[in-house]
Amino acid sequence: MNPKLLELATRHGALKARIDEQRRTLARHSVPLEAALARGDTVLKGVDWLKHHPAAVGVAVFVAVVARPRRAWRWARRGLFLWRGWQAIRSSLVGAR
């Protein structure tokens, strides 16, 4: 066999082995992210459910206001604060592009 081809085949095998090891290392290091990503998926499913069931959200808000108006007002203020903060962050990120 041609020595140059033999050298290329050897290098190719070494590179494939190195790639396999890097993939195994990456898989090992990404295990902790799986739980966080699964939680994110759960949250997104909940948000999707809320988007498709606005009447249920309205009923829950009504019940909260009737049952505990002071607590509902406090949560509404917190929600408004979070929403305005998110809007500011989002607009600064979009403006930075």
Protein backbone atom coordinates (compact mmCIF):
# COMPACT_ATOMS: atom_id res chain seq x y z
CA MET A 1 0.00 0.00 0.00
CA ASN A 2 1.13 3.53 -0.70
CA PRO A 3 2.83 5.00 2.44
CA LYS A 4 0.97 8.29 2.02
CA LEU A 5 -2.39 6.49 1.93
CA LEU A 6 -1.40 4.46 4.97
CA GLU A 7 -0.48 7.65 6.84
CA LEU A 8 -3.80 9.27 5.86
CA ALA A 9 -5.76 6.21 6.97
CA THR A 10 -3.92 6.21 10.30
CA ARG A 11 -4.63 9.92 10.80
CA HIS A 12 -8.25 9.39 9.85
CA GLY A 13 -8.62 6.62 12.43
CA ALA A 14 -6.97 8.75 15.13
CA LEU A 15 -9.26 11.68 14.35
CA LYS A 16 -12.36 9.47 14.45
CA ALA A 17 -11.27 8.10 17.84
CA ARG A 18 -10.72 11.64 19.12
CA ILE A 19 -14.15 12.71 17.86
CA ASP A 20 -15.80 9.73 19.56
CA GLU A 21 -14.11 10.61 22.85
CA GLN A 22 -15.22 14.24 22.55
CA ARG A 23 -18.80 13.12 21.94
CA ARG A 24 -18.74 10.90 25.01
CA THR A 25 -17.31 13.76 27.10
CA LEU A 26 -19.96 16.16 25.82
CA ALA A 27 -22.72 13.68 26.61
CA ARG A 28 -21.34 13.23 30.13
CA HIS A 29 -21.17 16.98 30.71
CA SER A 30 -24.67 17.66 29.35
CA VAL A 31 -26.47 15.32 31.77
CA PRO A 32 -27.14 18.09 34.35
CA LEU A 33 -28.77 20.21 31.65
CA GLU A 34 -31.37 17.56 30.92
CA ALA A 35 -33.33 18.26 34.12
CA ALA A 36 -33.32 22.02 33.50
CA LEU A 37 -34.42 21.58 29.90
CA ALA A 38 -37.17 19.19 30.99
CA ARG A 39 -38.46 21.81 33.44
CA GLY A 40 -38.38 24.38 30.67
CA ASP A 41 -40.46 22.07 28.48
CA THR A 42 -42.97 21.66 31.30
CA VAL A 43 -43.26 25.42 31.71
CA LEU A 44 -43.77 25.89 27.98
CA LYS A 45 -46.51 23.25 27.99
CA GLY A 46 -48.20 25.13 30.84
CA VAL A 47 -47.97 28.42 28.98
CA ASP A 48 -49.38 26.76 25.88
CA TRP A 49 -52.29 25.38 27.93
CA LEU A 50 -52.98 28.85 29.35
CA LYS A 51 -53.04 30.32 25.84
CA HIS A 52 -55.60 27.76 24.72
CA HIS A 53 -57.81 28.07 27.83
CA PRO A 54 -58.31 31.79 28.50
CA ALA A 55 -61.69 31.20 30.15
CA ALA A 56 -60.08 29.06 32.84
CA VAL A 57 -57.57 31.84 33.51
CA GLY A 58 -60.37 34.39 33.74
CA VAL A 59 -62.33 32.23 36.18
CA ALA A 60 -59.25 31.71 38.35
CA VAL A 61 -58.56 35.45 38.44
CA PHE A 62 -62.19 36.19 39.29
CA VAL A 63 -62.19 33.66 42.13
CA ALA A 64 -58.91 35.07 43.48
CA VAL A 65 -60.26 38.63 43.43
CA VAL A 66 -63.53 37.66 45.11
CA ALA A 67 -61.87 35.43 47.72
CA ARG A 68 -58.93 37.68 48.64
CA PRO A 69 -59.03 41.08 46.95
CA ARG A 70 -56.03 42.48 48.84
CA ARG A 71 -53.88 39.48 47.96
CA ALA A 72 -55.05 39.62 44.32
CA TRP A 73 -54.11 43.31 44.15
CA ARG A 74 -50.66 42.56 45.57
CA TRP A 75 -50.07 39.81 43.00
CA ALA A 76 -51.34 42.05 40.21
CA ARG A 77 -48.77 44.70 41.17
CA ARG A 78 -46.01 42.09 41.23
CA GLY A 79 -47.10 40.75 37.86
CA LEU A 80 -47.14 44.24 36.37
CA PHE A 81 -43.66 44.90 37.74
CA LEU A 82 -42.34 41.65 36.24
CA TRP A 83 -44.08 42.27 32.92
CA ARG A 84 -42.67 45.81 32.62
CA GLY A 85 -39.20 44.54 33.53
CA TRP A 86 -39.45 41.84 30.88
CA GLN A 87 -40.61 44.38 28.30
CA ALA A 88 -37.64 46.63 29.11
CA ILE A 89 -35.17 43.76 28.86
CA ARG A 90 -36.70 42.54 25.62
CA SER A 91 -36.66 45.96 24.02
CA SER A 92 -33.03 46.50 25.03
CA LEU A 93 -32.08 43.13 23.54
CA VAL A 94 -33.94 43.81 20.31
CA GLY A 95 -32.43 47.30 20.10
CA ALA A 96 -28.92 45.89 20.62
CA ARG A 97 -29.13 43.81 17.45
